Amino acid sequence: MLAMSFDSRSLRDALGLFVTGVTIITARTNDGTQTGVTANSFNSVSMSPPLIVWSLGRASRSIDAFLNAENFCVHILREDQEGLAQTFATSGIDKFKDLDLETGIGRVPMLKECAARLECRTFSHHDGGDHIVFLGEVLQIKSDAESRPLLFHGGKYASLADH
């Protein structure tokens, strides 16, 4: 087995060159508490069945809530929702304060305004080193094809540029 010839900062910098979208993932705990996190580790997996993937660090305060959640919702953010992304990336605050929400499958809290919203059933979760990898089966979709997504690149939020 080859030893790593790089440090974690070098890996983070290299991965930061890959542009991702920005999502907020929400769920409801067994006791009814709303939980949510900002995640850019989101992607499609399969069209049949319709599966998506995302991951959450084991050290996250929300990890147990998502490990026990039967359902969750992925919100793909619009380019004007950087503030909302920052709110859900912050620990120890009421992230849902003053938000106008809808309730989805499994009583999951859902943001009304975003580029797209995917209501999911937890399909499985897997060990991913210092993260847990979640697979979700998409049950319902709401999207706005006219929206421009919020992007993340090089440790900063970004927007699309037309060519």
Foldseek 3Di string as FASTA:
>chain_A
DDDDPDDPVVVVQVVLQDKFFKKKKWFAAPVGHIAIAIFRQKDWDDVVQTKIKTKDFPPDPCVVRVQPGQKMKIFGAFQVCPVLNVLRHDPDDDSCPPADWDADPNRITHHDDGQKMFIWGFPDWDDDDRMIMTMTGTDDMDGDPPGWTWMGHSNDIDGDDDD
